């Protein structure tokens, strides 16, 4: 017997946002893996490898400085490449989530393909990058002014890509819509965002345990044998790659949880607006 299709545009309370998002991920697991594997897999893998190489290089520089006392710095080209590719990988993940949800909302479960998700994502690719940079700069400026303005802006700006990719609005309308959605629901939304980040952070830390274990064992072995630890062993590199992949796997989970709060706010705001219009028409008659 088929389970009932999960409805996206629906009001959910605090706990139901999390329950609904996890139920949705369970329902769509195969298709989600397919979409993210096909379209985000390559940039994510490259980003993870570059990050592992950067950490290895940085660790080697720290050891060199502690042993020789000579100042040094990690390879600047490697740093630049790591930042750029990591940003691209994040853009793919952040954009594919609302693209997937937009197709699901419009066409229903099993009514769309991975190619449909990609087409929606590609159509908004430039805007995804541009809007991410603009909102990031605005939040950075907000954090410069006593931090509180940055925290305030963080909540509505969390929904920028959902509004753009799903509702297809321009920049001005997108920003206005984001503030409209969180109006009178800022604290509840802030709580959901923080809790979602905490959950992802704790689970992500578990992926780092192998790196800590390998580093501890190799450090103990090296010290016992009077050798230097260089951070370039295969075990440390592989465990670092594993930890990085784990983090990237969790990002879609985070963005889907946030998406369910977006749909909750949408239902609450749009339905109340609709009811107000109906009431106004009724009163006029």
C-alpha atoms as a PDB file:
ATOM      1  CA  UNK A   1       0.000   0.000   0.000  1.00  0.00           C
ATOM      2  CA  UNK A   2       1.440   3.381  -1.033  1.00  0.00           C
ATOM      3  CA  UNK A   3       1.882   5.992   1.629  1.00  0.00           C
ATOM      4  CA  UNK A   4       0.122   9.313   1.180  1.00  0.00           C
ATOM      5  CA  UNK A   5       2.158  11.867  -0.742  1.00  0.00           C
ATOM      6  CA  UNK A   6       3.679  14.480   1.555  1.00  0.00           C
ATOM      7  CA  UNK A   7       2.204  17.928   1.040  1.00  0.00           C
ATOM      8  CA  UNK A   8       4.711  20.770   1.025  1.00  0.00           C
ATOM      9  CA  UNK A   9       2.550  23.884   1.331  1.00  0.00           C
ATOM     10  CA  UNK A  10       1.084  23.211   4.746  1.00  0.00           C
ATOM     11  CA  UNK A  11       1.193  24.873   8.140  1.00  0.00           C
ATOM     12  CA  UNK A  12       3.370  22.931  10.570  1.00  0.00           C
ATOM     13  CA  UNK A  13       4.273  23.709  14.169  1.00  0.00           C
ATOM     14  CA  UNK A  14       7.838  23.660  15.489  1.00  0.00           C
ATOM     15  CA  UNK A  15       8.214  19.888  15.843  1.00  0.00           C
ATOM     16  CA  UNK A  16       6.219  19.111  12.697  1.00  0.00           C
ATOM     17  CA  UNK A  17       8.691  21.107  10.598  1.00  0.00           C
ATOM     18  CA  UNK A  18      11.385  18.602  11.564  1.00  0.00           C
ATOM     19  CA  UNK A  19       9.099  15.559  11.393  1.00  0.00           C
ATOM     20  CA  UNK A  20       7.778  16.595   7.992  1.00  0.00           C
ATOM     21  CA  UNK A  21      11.222  17.270   6.550  1.00  0.00           C
ATOM     22  CA  UNK A  22      12.598  13.900   7.673  1.00  0.00           C
ATOM     23  CA  UNK A  23       9.489  12.121   6.368  1.00  0.00           C
ATOM     24  CA  UNK A  24       9.936  13.886   3.033  1.00  0.00           C
ATOM     25  CA  UNK A  25      13.595  12.895   2.810  1.00  0.00           C
ATOM     26  CA  UNK A  26      12.654   9.306   3.579  1.00  0.00           C
ATOM     27  CA  UNK A  27       9.975   9.353   0.871  1.00  0.00           C
ATOM     28  CA  UNK A  28      12.232  10.978  -1.741  1.00  0.00           C
ATOM     29  CA  UNK A  29      15.537   9.368  -0.724  1.00  0.00           C
ATOM     30  CA  UNK A  30      16.325   7.552  -3.983  1.00  0.00           C
ATOM     31  CA  UNK A  31      15.479  10.513  -6.189  1.00  0.00           C
ATOM     32  CA  UNK A  32      17.361  12.944  -3.930  1.00  0.00           C
ATOM     33  CA  UNK A  33      20.469  10.750  -4.038  1.00  0.00           C
ATOM     34  CA  UNK A  34      20.175  10.554  -7.808  1.00  0.00           C
ATOM     35  CA  UNK A  35      19.818  14.324  -8.266  1.00  0.00           C
ATOM     36  CA  UNK A  36      22.621  15.304  -5.908  1.00  0.00           C
ATOM     37  CA  UNK A  37      24.874  12.500  -7.095  1.00  0.00           C
ATOM     38  CA  UNK A  38      24.436  13.472 -10.741  1.00  0.00           C
ATOM     39  CA  UNK A  39      24.722  17.228 -10.469  1.00  0.00           C
ATOM     40  CA  UNK A  40      26.487  18.086  -7.201  1.00  0.00           C
ATOM     41  CA  UNK A  41      28.704  15.010  -6.913  1.00  0.00           C
ATOM     42  CA  UNK A  42      31.666  16.227  -8.976  1.00  0.00           C
ATOM     43  CA  UNK A  43      32.057  19.705  -7.397  1.00  0.00           C
ATOM     44  CA  UNK A  44      31.562  18.229  -3.923  1.00  0.00           C
ATOM     45  CA  UNK A  45      34.218  15.538  -4.433  1.00  0.00           C
ATOM     46  CA  UNK A  46      36.695  18.074  -5.850  1.00  0.00           C
ATOM     47  CA  UNK A  47      35.978  20.454  -2.948  1.00  0.00           C
ATOM     48  CA  UNK A  48      36.495  17.696  -0.380  1.00  0.00           C
ATOM     49  CA  UNK A  49      39.805  16.609  -1.932  1.00  0.00           C
ATOM     50  CA  UNK A  50      41.067  20.196  -2.140  1.00  0.00           C
ATOM     51  CA  UNK A  51      40.053  20.814   1.464  1.00  0.00           C
ATOM     52  CA  UNK A  52      41.943  17.690   2.579  1.00  0.00           C
ATOM     53  CA  UNK A  53      45.031  18.818   0.660  1.00  0.00           C
ATOM     54  CA  UNK A  54      44.753  22.299   2.159  1.00  0.00           C
ATOM     55  CA  UNK A  55      44.488  20.942   5.712  1.00  0.00           C
ATOM     56  CA  UNK A  56      47.489  18.702   5.073  1.00  0.00           C
ATOM     57  CA  UNK A  57      49.453  21.668   3.728  1.00  0.00           C
ATOM     58  CA  UNK A  58      48.429  23.905   6.643  1.00  0.00           C
ATOM     59  CA  UNK A  59      49.366  21.228   9.175  1.00  0.00           C
ATOM     60  CA  UNK A  60      52.768  20.793   7.530  1.00  0.00           C
ATOM     61  CA  UNK A  61      53.352  24.554   7.667  1.00  0.00           C
ATOM     62  CA  UNK A  62      52.485  24.652  11.381  1.00  0.00           C
ATOM     63  CA  UNK A  63      54.908  21.800  12.093  1.00  0.00           C
ATOM     64  CA  UNK A  64      57.626  23.468  10.033  1.00  0.00           C
ATOM     65  CA  UNK A  65      57.188  26.729  11.927  1.00  0.00           C
ATOM     66  CA  UNK A  66      57.262  24.973  15.305  1.00  0.00           C
ATOM     67  CA  UNK A  67      60.383  22.991  14.383  1.00  0.00           C
ATOM     68  CA  UNK A  68      62.396  25.668  12.588  1.00  0.00           C
ATOM     69  CA  UNK A  69      60.902  28.895  13.914  1.00  0.00           C
ATOM     70  CA  UNK A  70      60.752  30.258  10.363  1.00  0.00           C
ATOM     71  CA  UNK A  71      57.468  31.917   9.368  1.00  0.00           C
ATOM     72  CA  UNK A  72      55.623  30.249   6.514  1.00  0.00           C
ATOM     73  CA  UNK A  73      52.142  30.088   5.050  1.00  0.00           C
ATOM     74  CA  UNK A  74      50.051  27.512   3.169  1.00  0.00           C
ATOM     75  CA  UNK A  75      50.088  27.471  -0.626  1.00  0.00           C
ATOM     76  CA  UNK A  76      48.025  30.551  -1.694  1.00  0.00           C
ATOM     77  CA  UNK A  77      46.945  28.905  -4.961  1.00  0.00           C
ATOM     78  CA  UNK A  78      45.606  25.922  -3.021  1.00  0.00           C
ATOM     79  CA  UNK A  79      43.769  28.258  -0.639  1.00  0.00           C
ATOM     80  CA  UNK A  80      42.192  30.148  -3.552  1.00  0.00           C
ATOM     81  CA  UNK A  81      41.124  26.975  -5.363  1.00  0.00           C
ATOM     82  CA  UNK A  82      39.681  25.494  -2.168  1.00  0.00           C
ATOM     83  CA  UNK A  83      37.589  28.608  -1.490  1.00  0.00           C
ATOM     84  CA  UNK A  84      36.285  28.876  -5.066  1.00  0.00           C
ATOM     85  CA  UNK A  85      35.436  25.189  -5.515  1.00  0.00           C
ATOM     86  CA  UNK A  86      33.876  24.980  -2.034  1.00  0.00           C
ATOM     87  CA  UNK A  87      31.680  27.968  -2.891  1.00  0.00           C
ATOM     88  CA  UNK A  88      30.626  26.347  -6.175  1.00  0.00           C
ATOM     89  CA  UNK A  89      29.804  23.082  -4.373  1.00  0.00           C
ATOM     90  CA  UNK A  90      27.677  25.005  -1.865  1.00  0.00           C
ATOM     91  CA  UNK A  91      25.912  26.856  -4.677  1.00  0.00           C
ATOM     92  CA  UNK A  92      24.987  23.550  -6.315  1.00  0.00           C
ATOM     93  CA  UNK A  93      23.595  22.125  -3.079  1.00  0.00           C
ATOM     94  CA  UNK A  94      21.785  25.321  -2.031  1.00  0.00           C
ATOM     95  CA  UNK A  95      20.263  25.687  -5.491  1.00  0.00           C
ATOM     96  CA  UNK A  96      19.328  22.072  -6.139  1.00  0.00           C
ATOM     97  CA  UNK A  97      17.247  21.814  -2.948  1.00  0.00           C
ATOM     98  CA  UNK A  98      14.708  24.530  -3.883  1.00  0.00           C
ATOM     99  CA  UNK A  99      14.839  23.392  -7.523  1.00  0.00           C
ATOM    100  CA  UNK A 100      13.849  19.886  -6.420  1.00  0.00           C
ATOM    101  CA  UNK A 101      11.120  21.168  -4.117  1.00  0.00           C
ATOM    102  CA  UNK A 102       9.783  23.496  -6.800  1.00  0.00           C
ATOM    103  CA  UNK A 103       9.405  20.599  -9.243  1.00  0.00           C
ATOM    104  CA  UNK A 104       7.790  18.465  -6.542  1.00  0.00           C
ATOM    105  CA  UNK A 105       5.343  21.231  -5.671  1.00  0.00           C
ATOM    106  CA  UNK A 106       4.399  21.881  -9.301  1.00  0.00           C
ATOM    107  CA  UNK A 107       4.250  18.298 -10.597  1.00  0.00           C
ATOM    108  CA  UNK A 108       3.824  16.064  -7.574  1.00  0.00           C
ATOM    109  CA  UNK A 109       5.683  12.971  -6.508  1.00  0.00           C
ATOM    110  CA  UNK A 110       7.084  10.960  -9.433  1.00  0.00           C
ATOM    111  CA  UNK A 111       5.856  13.653 -11.824  1.00  0.00           C
ATOM    112  CA  UNK A 112       9.293  15.002 -12.644  1.00  0.00           C
ATOM    113  CA  UNK A 113      12.773  13.777 -13.485  1.00  0.00           C
ATOM    114  CA  UNK A 114      16.283  14.648 -12.374  1.00  0.00           C
ATOM    115  CA  UNK A 115      16.649  16.540 -15.663  1.00  0.00           C
ATOM    116  CA  UNK A 116      13.655  18.732 -14.742  1.00  0.00           C
ATOM    117  CA  UNK A 117      15.352  19.643 -11.463  1.00  0.00           C
ATOM    118  CA  UNK A 118      18.564  20.457 -13.313  1.00  0.00           C
ATOM    119  CA  UNK A 119      16.746  22.644 -15.854  1.00  0.00           C
ATOM    120  CA  UNK A 120      15.130  24.697 -13.099  1.00  0.00           C
ATOM    121  CA  UNK A 121      18.453  24.989 -11.290  1.00  0.00           C
ATOM    122  CA  UNK A 122      20.334  25.967 -14.464  1.00  0.00           C
ATOM    123  CA  UNK A 123      17.707  28.585 -15.306  1.00  0.00           C
ATOM    124  CA  UNK A 124      18.378  30.327 -11.987  1.00  0.00           C
ATOM    125  CA  UNK A 125      22.097  29.535 -11.685  1.00  0.00           C
ATOM    126  CA  UNK A 126      23.295  33.111 -12.191  1.00  0.00           C
ATOM    127  CA  UNK A 127      20.717  34.466  -9.761  1.00  0.00           C
ATOM    128  CA  UNK A 128      21.644  31.841  -7.168  1.00  0.00           C
ATOM    129  CA  UNK A 129      25.257  33.004  -7.233  1.00  0.00           C
ATOM    130  CA  UNK A 130      24.365  36.697  -7.381  1.00  0.00           C
ATOM    131  CA  UNK A 131      21.720  36.607  -4.655  1.00  0.00           C
ATOM    132  CA  UNK A 132      24.012  34.554  -2.403  1.00  0.00           C
ATOM    133  CA  UNK A 133      26.806  37.113  -2.756  1.00  0.00           C
ATOM    134  CA  UNK A 134      24.492  40.105  -2.242  1.00  0.00           C
ATOM    135  CA  UNK A 135      22.773  38.722   0.859  1.00  0.00           C
ATOM    136  CA  UNK A 136      26.114  37.528   2.210  1.00  0.00           C
ATOM    137  CA  UNK A 137      27.553  41.033   1.874  1.00  0.00           C
ATOM    138  CA  UNK A 138      24.475  42.601   3.485  1.00  0.00           C
ATOM    139  CA  UNK A 139      24.709  40.225   6.443  1.00  0.00           C
ATOM    140  CA  UNK A 140      28.441  40.887   6.735  1.00  0.00           C
ATOM    141  CA  UNK A 141      27.759  44.626   6.888  1.00  0.00           C
ATOM    142  CA  UNK A 142      25.029  43.938   9.446  1.00  0.00           C
ATOM    143  CA  UNK A 143      27.414  41.947  11.631  1.00  0.00           C
ATOM    144  CA  UNK A 144      29.901  44.821  11.508  1.00  0.00           C
ATOM    145  CA  UNK A 145      27.311  47.028  13.211  1.00  0.00           C
ATOM    146  CA  UNK A 146      27.068  45.492  16.687  1.00  0.00           C
ATOM    147  CA  UNK A 147      26.248  41.975  15.369  1.00  0.00           C
ATOM    148  CA  UNK A 148      22.494  42.268  16.098  1.00  0.00           C
ATOM    149  CA  UNK A 149      21.553  43.674  12.648  1.00  0.00           C
ATOM    150  CA  UNK A 150      23.401  40.762  11.033  1.00  0.00           C
ATOM    151  CA  UNK A 151      21.515  38.217  13.134  1.00  0.00           C
ATOM    152  CA  UNK A 152      18.236  39.946  12.309  1.00  0.00           C
ATOM    153  CA  UNK A 153      18.947  39.869   8.563  1.00  0.00           C
ATOM    154  CA  UNK A 154      20.119  36.251   8.675  1.00  0.00           C
ATOM    155  CA  UNK A 155      16.596  34.945   9.320  1.00  0.00           C
ATOM    156  CA  UNK A 156      14.725  36.431   6.332  1.00  0.00           C
ATOM    157  CA  UNK A 157      17.750  36.066   4.043  1.00  0.00           C
ATOM    158  CA  UNK A 158      17.766  32.322   4.760  1.00  0.00           C
ATOM    159  CA  UNK A 159      14.774  32.046   2.418  1.00  0.00           C
ATOM    160  CA  UNK A 160      16.148  34.095  -0.483  1.00  0.00           C
ATOM    161  CA  UNK A 161      16.991  31.153  -2.753  1.00  0.00           C
ATOM    162  CA  UNK A 162      13.700  29.381  -2.006  1.00  0.00           C
ATOM    163  CA  UNK A 163      11.712  32.449  -3.003  1.00  0.00           C
ATOM    164  CA  UNK A 164      13.822  33.010  -6.122  1.00  0.00           C
ATOM    165  CA  UNK A 165      13.945  29.433  -7.410  1.00  0.00           C
ATOM    166  CA  UNK A 166      10.431  28.352  -6.388  1.00  0.00           C
ATOM    167  CA  UNK A 167       8.451  31.586  -6.831  1.00  0.00           C
ATOM    168  CA  UNK A 168      10.693  33.076  -9.564  1.00  0.00           C
ATOM    169  CA  UNK A 169      10.767  36.662  -8.292  1.00  0.00           C
ATOM    170  CA  UNK A 170      13.303  39.386  -9.064  1.00  0.00           C
ATOM    171  CA  UNK A 171      15.759  40.629  -6.431  1.00  0.00           C
ATOM    172  CA  UNK A 172      13.610  43.417  -4.989  1.00  0.00           C
ATOM    173  CA  UNK A 173      10.480  41.274  -4.783  1.00  0.00           C
ATOM    174  CA  UNK A 174      12.501  38.373  -3.386  1.00  0.00           C
ATOM    175  CA  UNK A 175      13.900  40.431  -0.508  1.00  0.00           C
ATOM    176  CA  UNK A 176      10.501  41.979   0.196  1.00  0.00           C
ATOM    177  CA  UNK A 177       8.865  38.552   0.169  1.00  0.00           C
ATOM    178  CA  UNK A 178      11.438  37.163   2.618  1.00  0.00           C
ATOM    179  CA  UNK A 179      10.735  39.916   5.139  1.00  0.00           C
ATOM    180  CA  UNK A 180       6.994  39.420   4.646  1.00  0.00           C
ATOM    181  CA  UNK A 181       7.293  35.704   5.367  1.00  0.00           C
ATOM    182  CA  UNK A 182       9.112  36.100   8.688  1.00  0.00           C
ATOM    183  CA  UNK A 183       7.033  39.047   9.897  1.00  0.00           C
ATOM    184  CA  UNK A 184       5.644  38.139  13.352  1.00  0.00           C
ATOM    185  CA  UNK A 185       7.335  34.725  13.002  1.00  0.00           C
ATOM    186  CA  UNK A 186      10.972  35.811  13.370  1.00  0.00           C
ATOM    187  CA  UNK A 187      11.672  34.141  16.713  1.00  0.00           C
ATOM    188  CA  UNK A 188      10.042  30.821  15.782  1.00  0.00           C
ATOM    189  CA  UNK A 189      11.977  30.775  12.513  1.00  0.00           C
ATOM    190  CA  UNK A 190      15.210  31.723  14.275  1.00  0.00           C
ATOM    191  CA  UNK A 191      14.707  28.836  16.715  1.00  0.00           C
ATOM    192  CA  UNK A 192      14.156  26.327  13.908  1.00  0.00           C
ATOM    193  CA  UNK A 193      17.232  27.535  12.009  1.00  0.00           C
ATOM    194  CA  UNK A 194      19.462  27.367  15.098  1.00  0.00           C
ATOM    195  CA  UNK A 195      18.192  23.919  16.113  1.00  0.00           C
ATOM    196  CA  UNK A 196      18.658  22.621  12.556  1.00  0.00           C
ATOM    197  CA  UNK A 197      22.240  23.915  12.517  1.00  0.00           C
ATOM    198  CA  UNK A 198      22.929  22.337  15.916  1.00  0.00           C
ATOM    199  CA  UNK A 199      21.617  18.943  14.781  1.00  0.00           C
ATOM    200  CA  UNK A 200      23.692  19.041  11.610  1.00  0.00           C
ATOM    201  CA  UNK A 201      26.774  20.209  13.534  1.00  0.00           C
ATOM    202  CA  UNK A 202      26.530  17.388  16.075  1.00  0.00           C
ATOM    203  CA  UNK A 203      25.999  14.726  13.411  1.00  0.00           C
ATOM    204  CA  UNK A 204      28.752  16.290  11.303  1.00  0.00           C
ATOM    205  CA  UNK A 205      31.124  16.073  14.244  1.00  0.00           C
ATOM    206  CA  UNK A 206      30.573  12.305  14.286  1.00  0.00           C
ATOM    207  CA  UNK A 207      32.066  12.130  10.787  1.00  0.00           C
ATOM    208  CA  UNK A 208      35.211  13.763  12.192  1.00  0.00           C
ATOM    209  CA  UNK A 209      35.767  11.075  14.820  1.00  0.00           C
ATOM    210  CA  UNK A 210      37.787   8.791  12.467  1.00  0.00           C
ATOM    211  CA  UNK A 211      40.157  11.695  11.739  1.00  0.00           C
ATOM    212  CA  UNK A 212      40.651  12.336  15.457  1.00  0.00           C
ATOM    213  CA  UNK A 213      41.269   8.642  16.108  1.00  0.00           C
ATOM    214  CA  UNK A 214      43.745   8.240  13.227  1.00  0.00           C
ATOM    215  CA  UNK A 215      45.571  11.451  14.156  1.00  0.00           C
ATOM    216  CA  UNK A 216      45.740  10.377  17.803  1.00  0.00           C
ATOM    217  CA  UNK A 217      47.097   6.923  16.975  1.00  0.00           C
ATOM    218  CA  UNK A 218      49.668   8.254  14.521  1.00  0.00           C
ATOM    219  CA  UNK A 219      50.708  11.012  16.912  1.00  0.00           C
ATOM    220  CA  UNK A 220      51.159   8.550  19.781  1.00  0.00           C
ATOM    221  CA  UNK A 221      53.083   6.140  17.536  1.00  0.00           C
ATOM    222  CA  UNK A 222      55.347   8.897  16.244  1.00  0.00           C
ATOM    223  CA  UNK A 223      56.074  10.272  19.711  1.00  0.00           C
ATOM    224  CA  UNK A 224      56.781   6.789  21.066  1.00  0.00           C
ATOM    225  CA  UNK A 225      59.217   6.146  18.222  1.00  0.00           C
ATOM    226  CA  UNK A 226      60.791   9.586  18.388  1.00  0.00           C
ATOM    227  CA  UNK A 227      59.542  10.485  14.910  1.00  0.00           C
ATOM    228  CA  UNK A 228      57.903  13.663  13.637  1.00  0.00           C
ATOM    229  CA  UNK A 229      54.240  13.761  12.637  1.00  0.00           C
ATOM    230  CA  UNK A 230      53.856  15.301   9.180  1.00  0.00           C
ATOM    231  CA  UNK A 231      50.091  14.993   8.660  1.00  0.00           C
ATOM    232  CA  UNK A 232      50.549  13.507   5.201  1.00  0.00           C
ATOM    233  CA  UNK A 233      49.748   9.876   5.958  1.00  0.00           C
ATOM    234  CA  UNK A 234      47.161   8.090   3.849  1.00  0.00           C
ATOM    235  CA  UNK A 235      45.048   7.403   6.943  1.00  0.00           C
ATOM    236  CA  UNK A 236      44.733  11.071   7.865  1.00  0.00           C
ATOM    237  CA  UNK A 237      44.031  12.115   4.272  1.00  0.00           C
ATOM    238  CA  UNK A 238      41.317   9.465   3.761  1.00  0.00           C
ATOM    239  CA  UNK A 239      39.674  10.163   7.118  1.00  0.00           C
ATOM    240  CA  UNK A 240      39.677  13.895   6.325  1.00  0.00           C
ATOM    241  CA  UNK A 241      38.016  13.193   2.971  1.00  0.00           C
ATOM    242  CA  UNK A 242      35.439  11.015   4.753  1.00  0.00           C
ATOM    243  CA  UNK A 243      34.691  13.817   7.234  1.00  0.00           C
ATOM    244  CA  UNK A 244      34.335  16.330   4.403  1.00  0.00           C
ATOM    245  CA  UNK A 245      31.956  14.098   2.454  1.00  0.00           C
ATOM    246  CA  UNK A 246      29.895  13.607   5.600  1.00  0.00           C
ATOM    247  CA  UNK A 247      29.533  17.350   6.024  1.00  0.00           C
ATOM    248  CA  UNK A 248      28.407  17.838   2.428  1.00  0.00           C
ATOM    249  CA  UNK A 249      25.917  14.973   2.681  1.00  0.00           C
ATOM    250  CA  UNK A 250      24.310  16.754   5.637  1.00  0.00           C
ATOM    251  CA  UNK A 251      23.879  20.113   3.905  1.00  0.00           C
ATOM    252  CA  UNK A 252      20.811  19.028   1.877  1.00  0.00           C
ATOM    253  CA  UNK A 253      19.243  17.820   5.136  1.00  0.00           C
ATOM    254  CA  UNK A 254      19.739  21.276   6.647  1.00  0.00           C
ATOM    255  CA  UNK A 255      18.315  23.063   3.611  1.00  0.00           C
ATOM    256  CA  UNK A 256      15.281  20.778   3.426  1.00  0.00           C
ATOM    257  CA  UNK A 257      14.466  21.451   7.095  1.00  0.00           C
ATOM    258  CA  UNK A 258      14.671  25.185   6.377  1.00  0.00           C
ATOM    259  CA  UNK A 259      12.506  24.650   3.278  1.00  0.00           C
ATOM    260  CA  UNK A 260       9.727  23.131   5.375  1.00  0.00           C
ATOM    261  CA  UNK A 261       9.713  26.254   7.540  1.00  0.00           C
ATOM    262  CA  UNK A 262       9.530  28.303   4.334  1.00  0.00           C
ATOM    263  CA  UNK A 263       6.446  26.352   3.251  1.00  0.00           C
ATOM    264  CA  UNK A 264       4.917  26.756   6.715  1.00  0.00           C
ATOM    265  CA  UNK A 265       5.387  30.521   6.554  1.00  0.00           C
ATOM    266  CA  UNK A 266       4.053  30.592   2.999  1.00  0.00           C
ATOM    267  CA  UNK A 267       0.910  28.748   3.959  1.00  0.00           C
ATOM    268  CA  UNK A 268       0.399  30.954   6.996  1.00  0.00           C
ATOM    269  CA  UNK A 269       0.951  34.251   5.175  1.00  0.00           C
ATOM    270  CA  UNK A 270      -0.718  33.461   1.856  1.00  0.00           C
ATOM    271  CA  UNK A 271      -3.704  31.726   3.397  1.00  0.00           C
ATOM    272  CA  UNK A 272      -4.318  34.570   5.840  1.00  0.00           C
ATOM    273  CA  UNK A 273      -4.000  37.054   2.955  1.00  0.00           C
ATOM    274  CA  UNK A 274      -6.480  35.020   0.925  1.00  0.00           C
ATOM    275  CA  UNK A 275      -8.904  34.854   3.842  1.00  0.00           C
ATOM    276  CA  UNK A 276      -8.602  38.622   4.316  1.00  0.00           C
ATOM    277  CA  UNK A 277      -9.448  39.188   0.642  1.00  0.00           C
ATOM    278  CA  UNK A 278     -12.421  36.818   0.827  1.00  0.00           C
ATOM    279  CA  UNK A 279     -13.626  38.554   3.977  1.00  0.00           C
ATOM    280  CA  UNK A 280     -13.251  41.955   2.310  1.00  0.00           C
ATOM    281  CA  UNK A 281     -15.235  40.821  -0.750  1.00  0.00           C
ATOM    282  CA  UNK A 282     -17.949  39.356   1.492  1.00  0.00           C
ATOM    283  CA  UNK A 283     -18.244  42.591   3.468  1.00  0.00           C
ATOM    284  CA  UNK A 284     -18.538  44.643   0.267  1.00  0.00           C
ATOM    285  CA  UNK A 285     -21.471  42.509  -0.832  1.00  0.00           C
END
